[in-house]
Amino acid sequence: MIPSYSIVVPTVGRPELPALLGSLRIACAGGPEPVDVVVVDDRPFPGPGHEPNPALDLGTDPVPGVRVLRTGGRGPAAARNVGWRSVRTEWVAFLDDDVVVPERWAAALEQDLAVAGPDVAGVQGRIVVPLPTHRPTDFERNTAGLETAAWATADMVYRRAALLTVHGFDERFVRAYREDADLALRVRKAGWELEHGVRFVEHPVRAAAGPLASVRAQAGNADDALLRTLHGRDWRRLTGAGRGRLPWHLATVAAGLTALGGCLAAVGPAARDPRAARTSAVLAGSAWAGLTAAFAARRLAPGPRRGDEGYGPELRRMVLTSVLIPFAAVGRRLQGTWRWRRALGGRVPAWPLPIRAVLFDRDGTLVHDVPYNGDPDAVVPVPGARRVLDGLRADGLRVGVVSNQSAIGRGLLTSARVDAVDERVRRLLGPFDTWQRCPHRPEDECTCRKPEPGLVLRAAAELRMFPAECAVVGDIGSDVGAAVASGARSVLVPTEVTRREELSAAPVVAATLDEVVTLL
């Protein structure tokens, strides 16, 4: 029996995405077809009044059954979580949006899954980076490093049960860096195995994003700080990350700052021993220059040589960035260390994060549903609603409301009348820490109407917490969908309007509001 699988592709709208989807169409025609192909659009949401449907500009739909979900720019870890939580297949294949799969990829994937034992959580595909015939530049060599990256999600298939066990990717990794290594480490700690498969994908080298691309890439050092905080100082060996250059960068920065300090001490009005200060500055400056020159030479050696095309720009780029990279790397590492260790009291909770807020749908969940209600006197709380809310408040949890109110957009009610109903709910059920509503019609294609994630993301931002620290409680599938799309947890409390398919698809179901508290 062929194992069922889905494909999840997070994207930020790269122009390479249509090529990937086109190659998937060919590959899946020659092998087992996926049950779902989910493209997760992780571009930031546009501003009010400028909310186009992203499906319109992601190219054509060459793969049958492709779906587009939106996440609002929360990073690839969050985007992949939204993707795999939206499917129900045994396996989930993650692909980057800038790879191309060969014609036999699906058939090779079938072969990989057929030999995966029950204790195997994931199987990595080989990543091939075709380099140009000339000596590769620093940027091209960095891309080629993907060929030896451990458990890279450019082509990685995971068993959905394993993802459920560890609650997926840690969404605190907001860049496309280290989130896959962290997941692999947690999966293995949970007792699962990871293997390498026979399939492969091709990862073309994109054009460098400006001469300072390698300097901007040092932002990943903040993620290194998070990984070290979560897994200890041995994290590099555990994740197969290899040796880093941070000690050398620290030495370079220390020498540079010492040289600068010596120069200032030698010329300052309060200088006590200018000669000693100058000597210190010269020695430290020489050390800085030597370390910087060695770093630049190391980066230049494998690249274009004098007389080769592109040698001049590469030389200038390497000299400039070799001066800047140590300071950027150390600065980002200090920034990450401060955030993840000092700013949080030295203790960073493991993933998944504990629930700190519960967000309720209004109609049908907290109060009885009266379609398009504009009458405060018609508000009747659901039995036990006040008791549950007061219990959550007493336990230190924040509470809020996330509600679709399309009657405003349809012209059936004014905002003032809905405000009056909302105020009546507050008087009957107590204060709320955040209250978010969507006034749009379904055809407006906004980013806030559930099942879109906008309301939950706004509530989490107002409460100053990660969406993963929130739970959404509602009575229909759109409430669960908004939780999935935003990265929050969900509890469905069915009513007479809940459809059977919504009930079967919900990850967690409670019979009553009182039961919700026991399931959080």
Protein backbone atom coordinates (compact mmCIF):
# COMPACT_ATOMS: atom_id res chain seq x y z
CA MET A 1 0.00 0.00 0.00
CA ILE A 2 1.35 3.42 -0.98
CA PRO A 3 1.68 5.68 2.10
CA SER A 4 -0.43 8.82 1.81
CA TYR A 5 1.47 12.08 1.70
CA SER A 6 0.94 15.80 1.25
CA ILE A 7 3.32 18.50 0.09
CA VAL A 8 3.82 21.77 1.97
CA VAL A 9 5.66 24.67 0.34
CA PRO A 10 6.22 27.86 2.36
CA THR A 11 6.82 30.86 0.14
CA VAL A 12 7.57 34.56 0.30
CA GLY A 13 6.53 35.03 -3.32
CA ARG A 14 9.83 34.13 -4.95
CA PRO A 15 9.70 34.05 -8.75
CA GLU A 16 11.03 30.47 -8.69
CA LEU A 17 7.77 29.10 -7.21
CA PRO A 18 5.98 28.49 -10.55
CA ALA A 19 8.99 26.45 -11.72
CA LEU A 20 8.71 24.25 -8.63
CA LEU A 21 4.98 23.73 -9.11
CA GLY A 22 5.52 22.95 -12.77
CA SER A 23 8.18 20.36 -11.95
CA LEU A 24 5.86 18.83 -9.33
CA ARG A 25 3.14 18.41 -11.94
CA ILE A 26 5.49 16.32 -14.07
CA ALA A 27 6.99 14.41 -11.15
CA CYS A 28 3.65 13.50 -9.60
CA ALA A 29 2.33 12.28 -12.95
CA GLY A 30 5.09 9.67 -12.94
CA GLY A 31 4.57 8.50 -9.37
CA PRO A 32 2.06 8.51 -6.52
CA GLU A 33 0.15 11.78 -6.41
CA PRO A 34 -0.04 13.77 -3.17
CA VAL A 35 -3.36 14.06 -1.40
CA ASP A 36 -2.75 17.77 -0.86
CA VAL A 37 -0.36 20.41 -2.15
CA VAL A 38 -0.41 23.34 0.25
CA VAL A 39 1.34 26.59 -0.68
CA VAL A 40 1.70 28.70 2.46
CA ASP A 41 2.02 32.36 1.51
CA ASP A 42 4.10 33.89 4.30
CA ARG A 43 4.37 37.40 2.93
CA PRO A 44 3.37 40.15 5.38
CA PHE A 45 -0.23 41.20 5.07
CA PRO A 46 -0.74 44.44 3.12
CA GLY A 47 -2.36 47.41 4.75
CA PRO A 48 -6.10 48.11 5.01
CA GLY A 49 -7.76 48.55 1.67
CA HIS A 50 -4.92 46.75 -0.13
CA GLU A 51 -5.61 43.09 0.53
CA PRO A 52 -5.43 41.20 -2.78
CA ASN A 53 -5.91 37.45 -2.91
CA PRO A 54 -2.35 36.06 -2.98
CA ALA A 55 -3.48 33.08 -5.05
CA LEU A 56 -3.76 35.47 -7.99
CA ASP A 57 -0.06 36.30 -8.09
CA LEU A 58 1.54 32.96 -7.21
CA GLY A 59 1.52 31.85 -10.81
CA THR A 60 -0.82 29.36 -12.43
CA ASP A 61 -2.08 26.25 -10.69
CA PRO A 62 -0.20 23.40 -12.43
CA VAL A 63 -0.75 20.85 -9.64
CA PRO A 64 -4.25 19.43 -9.12
CA GLY A 65 -5.67 20.27 -5.71
CA VAL A 66 -3.19 23.00 -4.76
CA ARG A 67 -4.37 25.19 -1.87
CA VAL A 68 -3.06 28.56 -0.74
CA LEU A 69 -3.00 29.54 2.94
CA ARG A 70 -1.84 32.89 4.33
CA THR A 71 0.12 33.44 7.53
CA GLY A 72 1.07 37.12 7.52
CA GLY A 73 4.87 36.93 7.45
CA ARG A 74 5.65 35.00 10.65
CA GLY A 75 8.57 33.01 9.23
CA PRO A 76 9.10 29.59 7.62
CA ALA A 77 8.70 27.64 10.88
CA ALA A 78 5.22 29.07 11.42
CA ALA A 79 4.37 28.65 7.73
CA ARG A 80 5.32 24.97 7.74
CA ASN A 81 3.30 24.42 10.91
CA VAL A 82 0.24 25.92 9.27
CA GLY A 83 0.77 23.67 6.28
CA TRP A 84 1.15 20.33 8.04
CA ARG A 85 -1.62 21.06 10.55
CA SER A 86 -4.01 21.66 7.67
CA VAL A 87 -3.57 18.14 6.22
CA ARG A 88 -4.32 14.66 7.57
CA THR A 89 -2.00 12.39 5.59
CA GLU A 90 0.47 9.97 7.15
CA TRP A 91 3.47 11.83 5.73
CA VAL A 92 4.17 15.50 4.99
CA ALA A 93 6.84 16.46 2.43
CA PHE A 94 8.34 19.91 2.93
CA LEU A 95 9.89 21.64 -0.08
CA ASP A 96 11.44 25.09 -0.38
CA ASP A 97 9.88 27.40 -2.93
CA ASP A 98 13.14 27.80 -4.89
CA VAL A 99 13.93 24.14 -5.59
CA VAL A 100 13.05 22.07 -8.66
CA VAL A 101 12.12 18.39 -8.39
CA PRO A 102 13.26 15.92 -11.07
CA GLU A 103 10.88 13.86 -13.15
CA ARG A 104 11.18 10.75 -10.94
CA TRP A 105 10.96 12.57 -7.59
CA ALA A 106 7.55 11.21 -6.58
CA ALA A 107 8.54 7.66 -7.48
CA ALA A 108 11.74 8.02 -5.46
CA LEU A 109 9.75 9.43 -2.54
CA GLU A 110 7.53 6.36 -2.67
CA GLN A 111 10.66 4.21 -2.48
CA ASP A 112 11.96 6.19 0.51
CA LEU A 113 8.69 5.83 2.42
CA ALA A 114 8.32 2.14 1.59
CA VAL A 115 11.52 1.27 3.47
CA ALA A 116 10.94 3.63 6.41
CA GLY A 117 10.25 1.61 9.53
CA PRO A 118 7.63 2.56 12.13
CA ASP A 119 10.27 4.27 14.27
CA VAL A 120 11.39 6.53 11.41
CA ALA A 121 10.10 10.08 11.80
CA GLY A 122 11.59 11.61 8.69
CA VAL A 123 13.56 10.97 5.52
CA GLN A 124 15.76 13.65 3.99
CA GLY A 125 16.21 14.01 0.27
CA ARG A 126 19.57 14.92 -1.22
CA ILE A 127 20.01 18.56 -2.26
CA VAL A 128 21.99 19.19 -5.43
CA VAL A 129 23.29 22.71 -6.03
CA PRO A 130 24.51 23.12 -9.63
CA LEU A 131 27.43 25.53 -9.58
CA PRO A 132 28.66 27.46 -12.62
CA THR A 133 31.70 26.28 -14.54
CA HIS A 134 33.77 29.23 -13.32
CA ARG A 135 35.27 29.35 -9.86
CA PRO A 136 32.27 29.98 -7.56
CA THR A 137 31.78 33.20 -5.64
CA ASP A 138 31.38 33.31 -1.87
CA PHE A 139 27.59 33.55 -2.24
CA GLU A 140 27.49 30.57 -4.59
CA ARG A 141 29.62 28.48 -2.23
CA ASN A 142 27.35 29.35 0.69
CA THR A 143 24.37 28.11 -1.30
CA ALA A 144 26.29 24.93 -2.15
CA GLY A 145 26.59 24.31 1.58
CA LEU A 146 23.00 23.07 1.46
CA GLU A 147 24.33 19.87 -0.10
CA THR A 148 25.79 18.84 3.26
CA ALA A 149 23.20 20.44 5.55
CA ALA A 150 21.73 18.01 8.05
CA TRP A 151 17.94 17.51 7.88
CA ALA A 152 17.36 20.60 5.73
CA THR A 153 13.70 21.14 4.90
CA ALA A 154 14.50 22.09 1.31
CA ASP A 155 13.40 18.46 0.79
CA MET A 156 12.43 16.70 4.02
CA VAL A 157 9.48 14.40 4.58
CA TYR A 158 8.19 13.89 8.11
CA ARG A 159 5.70 11.46 9.55
CA ARG A 160 2.76 13.53 10.78
CA ALA A 161 2.60 11.52 14.01
CA ALA A 162 6.16 12.62 14.82
CA LEU A 163 5.29 16.25 14.16
CA LEU A 164 2.33 15.91 16.52
CA THR A 165 4.59 14.40 19.18
CA VAL A 166 6.92 17.40 19.25
CA HIS A 167 4.29 20.01 18.23
CA GLY A 168 6.04 20.84 14.97
CA PHE A 169 8.52 23.61 14.33
CA ASP A 170 9.46 26.08 17.04
CA GLU A 171 7.98 29.35 15.74
CA ARG A 172 10.44 31.45 17.72
CA PHE A 173 12.86 30.74 14.86
CA VAL A 174 11.54 33.47 12.58
CA ARG A 175 14.20 33.17 9.86
CA ALA A 176 14.92 30.32 7.44
CA TYR A 177 17.78 29.26 9.69
CA ARG A 178 18.18 26.60 12.38
CA GLU A 179 14.44 25.87 12.64
CA ASP A 180 14.95 22.58 10.79
CA ALA A 181 17.94 21.60 12.95
CA ASP A 182 15.97 22.30 16.11
CA LEU A 183 13.05 20.18 14.90
CA ALA A 184 15.33 17.28 13.99
CA LEU A 185 17.00 17.39 17.40
CA ARG A 186 13.67 17.40 19.27
CA VAL A 187 12.33 14.56 17.12
CA ARG A 188 15.37 12.42 17.87
CA LYS A 189 15.20 13.25 21.57
CA ALA A 190 11.60 12.02 21.48
CA GLY A 191 12.86 8.57 20.40
CA TRP A 192 12.35 8.76 16.63
CA GLU A 193 14.90 8.02 13.91
CA LEU A 194 15.83 10.12 10.89
CA GLU A 195 17.16 8.67 7.65
CA HIS A 196 18.52 9.76 4.27
CA GLY A 197 16.59 8.78 1.16
CA VAL A 198 17.42 8.14 -2.49
CA ARG A 199 15.42 11.04 -3.93
CA PHE A 200 16.92 14.45 -4.65
CA VAL A 201 15.98 17.98 -5.61
CA GLU A 202 17.90 20.67 -7.45
CA HIS A 203 18.50 23.98 -5.69
CA PRO A 204 19.64 26.59 -8.25
CA VAL A 205 21.82 29.44 -7.06
CA ARG A 206 19.81 32.64 -6.96
CA ALA A 207 21.30 36.04 -7.61
CA ALA A 208 22.81 37.55 -4.48
CA ALA A 209 20.53 40.08 -2.79
CA GLY A 210 23.00 42.96 -2.95
CA PRO A 211 26.68 43.26 -1.97
CA LEU A 212 25.89 43.07 1.77
CA ALA A 213 23.89 39.83 1.62
CA SER A 214 26.51 37.96 3.67
CA VAL A 215 26.41 40.69 6.33
CA ARG A 216 22.63 40.50 6.62
CA ALA A 217 22.93 36.71 6.89
CA GLN A 218 24.66 37.18 10.25
CA ALA A 219 21.20 37.70 11.74
CA GLY A 220 21.23 33.91 12.07
CA ASN A 221 23.60 34.28 15.01
CA ALA A 222 20.59 35.33 17.10
CA ASP A 223 19.02 31.97 16.23
CA ASP A 224 22.24 30.26 17.28
CA ALA A 225 21.77 31.90 20.67
CA LEU A 226 18.27 30.47 20.93
CA LEU A 227 19.46 27.01 19.90
CA ARG A 228 22.23 27.11 22.51
CA THR A 229 19.81 28.25 25.18
CA LEU A 230 17.38 25.43 24.37
CA HIS A 231 19.85 22.59 23.86
CA GLY A 232 23.02 23.56 25.72
CA ARG A 233 26.54 24.43 24.64
CA ASP A 234 26.90 21.10 22.81
CA TRP A 235 24.20 22.08 20.31
CA ARG A 236 26.55 22.19 17.33
CA ARG A 237 27.57 18.55 17.69
CA LEU A 238 24.00 17.44 18.45
CA THR A 239 22.57 19.14 15.36
CA GLY A 240 25.49 18.43 13.04
CA ALA A 241 26.00 22.14 12.47
CA GLY A 242 29.79 21.90 12.39
CA ARG A 243 32.27 24.35 13.85
CA GLY A 244 31.43 28.02 13.67
CA ARG A 245 33.63 31.09 13.36
CA LEU A 246 32.22 32.98 16.34
CA PRO A 247 35.41 32.64 18.47
CA TRP A 248 37.44 34.19 15.65
CA HIS A 249 34.86 36.93 15.19
CA LEU A 250 34.99 37.65 18.91
CA ALA A 251 38.76 37.97 18.75
CA THR A 252 38.52 40.28 15.73
CA VAL A 253 35.93 42.51 17.38
CA ALA A 254 37.90 42.62 20.64
CA ALA A 255 41.05 43.64 18.78
CA GLY A 256 39.21 46.29 16.81
CA LEU A 257 37.53 47.80 19.86
CA THR A 258 40.81 47.74 21.82
CA ALA A 259 42.54 49.56 18.98
CA LEU A 260 39.78 52.15 18.87
CA GLY A 261 39.92 52.58 22.64
CA GLY A 262 43.69 53.02 22.53
CA CYS A 263 43.41 55.70 19.86
CA LEU A 264 40.84 57.61 21.90
CA ALA A 265 42.93 57.30 25.07
CA ALA A 266 46.03 58.57 23.29
CA VAL A 267 44.42 61.77 22.00
CA GLY A 268 41.95 62.47 24.80
CA PRO A 269 42.47 65.48 27.09
CA ALA A 270 42.67 63.17 30.11
CA ALA A 271 45.29 60.85 28.62
CA ARG A 272 47.72 59.75 31.36
CA ASP A 273 50.16 57.79 29.20
CA PRO A 274 49.70 58.61 25.52
CA ARG A 275 52.71 56.53 24.46
CA ALA A 276 51.38 53.38 26.12
CA ALA A 277 47.94 54.04 24.67
CA ARG A 278 49.41 54.42 21.18
CA THR A 279 51.40 51.24 21.58
CA SER A 280 48.30 49.38 22.68
CA ALA A 281 46.35 50.79 19.76
CA VAL A 282 49.05 49.77 17.26
CA LEU A 283 49.30 46.24 18.61
CA ALA A 284 45.54 45.76 18.76
CA GLY A 285 45.09 47.37 15.35
CA SER A 286 47.71 45.04 13.87
CA ALA A 287 45.91 42.06 15.36
CA TRP A 288 42.58 43.30 13.98
CA ALA A 289 44.09 43.89 10.53
CA GLY A 290 45.73 40.48 10.52
CA LEU A 291 42.60 38.64 11.56
CA THR A 292 40.48 40.57 9.05
CA ALA A 293 42.97 39.98 6.23
CA ALA A 294 43.14 36.27 7.03
CA PHE A 295 39.36 36.07 7.00
CA ALA A 296 39.13 37.87 3.66
CA ALA A 297 41.88 35.71 2.15
CA ARG A 298 40.15 32.56 3.32
CA ARG A 299 36.95 33.64 1.61
CA LEU A 300 38.70 34.79 -1.56
CA ALA A 301 40.89 31.72 -2.10
CA PRO A 302 38.25 29.38 -3.61
CA GLY A 303 36.67 32.14 -5.68
CA PRO A 304 37.44 33.95 -8.92
CA ARG A 305 41.12 34.71 -9.59
CA ARG A 306 42.71 37.80 -11.06
CA GLY A 307 41.73 37.97 -14.71
CA ASP A 308 38.53 35.98 -14.23
CA GLU A 309 35.19 37.57 -15.03
CA GLY A 310 33.71 39.16 -11.93
CA TYR A 311 36.99 39.16 -9.99
CA GLY A 312 36.96 42.90 -9.30
CA PRO A 313 33.45 43.09 -7.82
CA GLU A 314 34.07 39.92 -5.80
CA LEU A 315 37.33 41.30 -4.39
CA ARG A 316 35.67 44.54 -3.32
CA ARG A 317 32.72 42.67 -1.87
CA MET A 318 34.93 40.28 0.12
CA VAL A 319 37.09 43.08 1.54
CA LEU A 320 34.11 45.16 2.62
CA THR A 321 32.09 42.30 4.08
CA SER A 322 35.10 40.73 5.81
CA VAL A 323 35.45 43.97 7.76
CA LEU A 324 31.75 44.09 8.65
CA ILE A 325 30.87 40.45 9.25
CA PRO A 326 32.67 39.95 12.60
CA PHE A 327 30.94 42.97 14.13
CA ALA A 328 27.55 41.95 12.69
CA ALA A 329 27.97 38.35 13.88
CA VAL A 330 28.97 39.30 17.42
CA GLY A 331 26.29 41.96 17.65
CA ARG A 332 23.56 39.56 16.54
CA ARG A 333 24.79 36.88 18.93
CA LEU A 334 24.73 39.32 21.84
CA GLN A 335 21.28 40.49 20.79
CA GLY A 336 19.98 36.94 20.73
CA THR A 337 21.63 36.04 24.03
CA TRP A 338 20.09 39.07 25.69
CA ARG A 339 16.64 38.29 24.35
CA TRP A 340 16.57 34.58 25.04
CA ARG A 341 18.50 34.41 28.30
CA ARG A 342 18.64 37.70 30.13
CA ALA A 343 15.36 39.27 29.02
CA LEU A 344 13.45 36.11 29.95
CA GLY A 345 15.09 35.67 33.33
CA GLY A 346 17.59 33.12 32.10
CA ARG A 347 14.92 30.49 31.44
CA VAL A 348 13.45 29.88 28.01
CA PRO A 349 10.45 27.50 27.99
CA ALA A 350 10.65 24.51 25.70
CA TRP A 351 8.39 24.23 22.68
CA PRO A 352 5.36 24.17 22.73
CA LEU A 353 4.86 27.33 24.73
CA PRO A 354 2.38 27.25 27.61
CA ILE A 355 -1.06 28.77 27.03
CA ARG A 356 -1.28 32.33 28.36
CA ALA A 357 -4.45 33.55 26.64
CA VAL A 358 -7.78 32.08 25.55
CA LEU A 359 -9.63 33.77 22.70
CA PHE A 360 -13.34 33.03 22.29
CA ASP A 361 -15.67 33.29 19.37
CA ARG A 362 -18.65 35.42 20.42
CA ASP A 363 -21.84 34.10 18.79
CA GLY A 364 -22.56 30.45 19.46
CA THR A 365 -19.67 30.12 21.91
CA LEU A 366 -20.00 32.75 24.64
CA VAL A 367 -23.56 33.84 23.87
CA HIS A 368 -26.42 32.17 22.04
CA ASP A 369 -26.26 32.87 18.33
CA VAL A 370 -28.84 35.39 17.13
CA PRO A 371 -28.14 35.99 13.42
CA TYR A 372 -27.08 39.58 12.71
CA ASN A 373 -28.00 40.64 16.23
CA GLY A 374 -28.10 44.40 16.83
CA ASP A 375 -30.21 44.29 19.99
CA PRO A 376 -28.32 44.23 23.33
CA ASP A 377 -31.43 42.87 25.07
CA ALA A 378 -31.22 39.73 22.89
CA VAL A 379 -27.82 38.80 24.30
CA VAL A 380 -28.09 35.58 26.36
CA PRO A 381 -24.86 33.97 27.64
CA VAL A 382 -24.24 30.28 27.09
CA PRO A 383 -24.65 28.34 30.38
CA GLY A 384 -21.40 28.37 32.34
CA ALA A 385 -19.74 31.09 30.23
CA ARG A 386 -19.23 33.54 33.12
CA ARG A 387 -17.97 30.76 35.40
CA VAL A 388 -15.43 29.55 32.85
CA LEU A 389 -14.18 33.06 32.08
CA ASP A 390 -13.84 33.95 35.76
CA GLY A 391 -11.93 30.73 36.34
CA LEU A 392 -9.49 31.53 33.56
CA ARG A 393 -9.01 35.04 34.89
CA ALA A 394 -8.39 33.69 38.39
CA ASP A 395 -5.72 31.35 36.98
CA GLY A 396 -3.87 34.32 35.49
CA LEU A 397 -4.84 33.69 31.88
CA ARG A 398 -5.80 36.53 29.58
CA VAL A 399 -9.16 36.27 27.83
CA GLY A 400 -10.38 37.83 24.60
CA VAL A 401 -12.92 37.72 21.81
CA VAL A 402 -12.31 37.18 18.08
CA SER A 403 -15.53 37.61 16.14
CA ASN A 404 -16.71 37.82 12.54
CA GLN A 405 -19.38 40.51 12.16
CA SER A 406 -20.11 40.64 8.42
CA ALA A 407 -23.45 42.36 9.11
CA ILE A 408 -21.47 45.62 9.19
CA GLY A 409 -19.97 45.05 5.75
CA ARG A 410 -23.30 43.89 4.37
CA GLY A 411 -24.98 47.09 5.58
CA LEU A 412 -27.36 45.22 7.87
CA LEU A 413 -25.97 46.74 11.08
CA THR A 414 -23.95 49.82 11.93
CA SER A 415 -20.75 49.63 13.92
CA ALA A 416 -22.49 51.48 16.73
CA ARG A 417 -25.19 48.81 17.06
CA VAL A 418 -22.57 46.04 17.13
CA ASP A 419 -20.64 48.07 19.72
CA ALA A 420 -23.76 48.11 21.89
CA VAL A 421 -24.12 44.34 21.66
CA ASP A 422 -20.43 43.86 22.48
CA GLU A 423 -20.77 46.13 25.51
CA ARG A 424 -23.72 44.07 26.72
CA VAL A 425 -21.57 40.92 26.47
CA ARG A 426 -18.88 42.59 28.59
CA ARG A 427 -21.40 43.59 31.25
CA LEU A 428 -22.73 40.05 31.49
CA LEU A 429 -19.45 38.15 31.21
CA GLY A 430 -16.87 40.50 32.69
CA PRO A 431 -13.84 42.34 31.27
CA PHE A 432 -11.82 41.10 28.31
CA ASP A 433 -8.15 41.80 27.68
CA THR A 434 -8.56 42.07 23.92
CA TRP A 435 -11.56 42.28 21.60
CA GLN A 436 -11.07 41.85 17.88
CA ARG A 437 -13.77 41.77 15.22
CA CYS A 438 -13.89 41.60 11.45
CA PRO A 439 -16.56 43.77 9.76
CA HIS A 440 -15.93 42.46 6.24
CA ARG A 441 -18.02 40.35 3.92
CA PRO A 442 -16.65 37.00 2.67
CA GLU A 443 -16.21 38.42 -0.83
CA ASP A 444 -13.98 41.20 0.49
CA GLU A 445 -11.12 38.66 0.76
CA CYS A 446 -9.70 40.36 3.84
CA THR A 447 -7.02 38.86 6.06
CA CYS A 448 -9.02 39.07 9.28
CA ARG A 449 -12.27 37.20 8.61
CA LYS A 450 -11.99 33.74 10.14
CA PRO A 451 -10.65 31.28 8.97
CA GLU A 452 -8.00 33.84 8.03
CA PRO A 453 -5.52 34.44 10.88
CA GLY A 454 -5.77 38.23 11.16
CA LEU A 455 -8.00 38.48 14.24
CA VAL A 456 -5.91 36.03 16.25
CA LEU A 457 -2.65 37.68 15.18
CA ARG A 458 -3.99 41.10 16.19
CA ALA A 459 -5.11 39.78 19.54
CA ALA A 460 -1.73 38.15 20.22
CA ALA A 461 0.09 41.34 19.24
CA GLU A 462 -2.08 43.43 21.55
CA LEU A 463 -1.41 40.98 24.38
CA ARG A 464 2.33 41.01 23.55
CA MET A 465 2.68 37.27 23.19
CA PHE A 466 3.33 34.68 20.52
CA PRO A 467 0.24 33.33 18.73
CA ALA A 468 1.37 29.89 19.94
CA GLU A 469 0.67 31.07 23.49
CA CYS A 470 -3.01 31.52 22.60
CA ALA A 471 -5.89 29.09 22.30
CA VAL A 472 -8.99 29.77 20.19
CA VAL A 473 -12.35 28.41 21.32
CA GLY A 474 -15.25 28.35 18.86
CA ASP A 475 -18.17 26.38 17.53
CA ILE A 476 -17.49 26.07 13.79
CA GLY A 477 -14.68 25.16 11.42
CA SER A 478 -13.68 28.75 10.65
CA ASP A 479 -12.70 29.23 14.31
CA VAL A 480 -10.43 26.19 14.12
CA GLY A 481 -9.11 27.38 10.76
CA ALA A 482 -8.16 30.76 12.18
CA ALA A 483 -6.29 29.03 15.00
CA VAL A 484 -4.40 26.78 12.58
CA ALA A 485 -3.52 29.67 10.25
CA SER A 486 -2.26 31.83 13.11
CA GLY A 487 -0.34 29.13 14.97
CA ALA A 488 -2.67 29.10 17.98
CA ARG A 489 -4.17 26.00 19.53
CA SER A 490 -7.88 25.35 19.15
CA VAL A 491 -10.81 23.75 20.93
CA LEU A 492 -14.10 23.18 19.11
CA VAL A 493 -17.27 23.28 21.21
CA PRO A 494 -19.91 21.99 18.77
CA THR A 495 -23.47 23.26 18.58
CA GLU A 496 -26.38 22.44 16.32
CA VAL A 497 -24.78 24.49 13.52
CA THR A 498 -21.47 22.62 13.60
CA ARG A 499 -21.09 20.46 10.51
CA ARG A 500 -20.04 16.83 10.77
CA GLU A 501 -16.89 17.38 8.69
CA GLU A 502 -15.90 20.29 10.93
CA LEU A 503 -16.25 18.07 13.96
CA SER A 504 -14.16 15.27 12.48
CA ALA A 505 -11.43 17.66 11.32
CA ALA A 506 -11.05 19.49 14.65
CA PRO A 507 -7.87 18.55 16.57
CA VAL A 508 -9.54 18.98 19.98
CA VAL A 509 -13.28 18.83 20.76
CA ALA A 510 -14.99 19.72 24.06
CA ALA A 511 -18.60 18.91 24.86
CA THR A 512 -19.07 22.08 26.94
CA LEU A 513 -17.25 25.27 27.83
CA ASP A 514 -16.43 23.78 31.23
CA GLU A 515 -14.61 20.94 29.51
CA VAL A 516 -12.51 23.44 27.54
CA VAL A 517 -10.57 24.34 30.68
CA THR A 518 -9.47 20.72 31.18
CA LEU A 519 -8.21 20.46 27.59
CA LEU A 520 -6.02 23.57 27.47
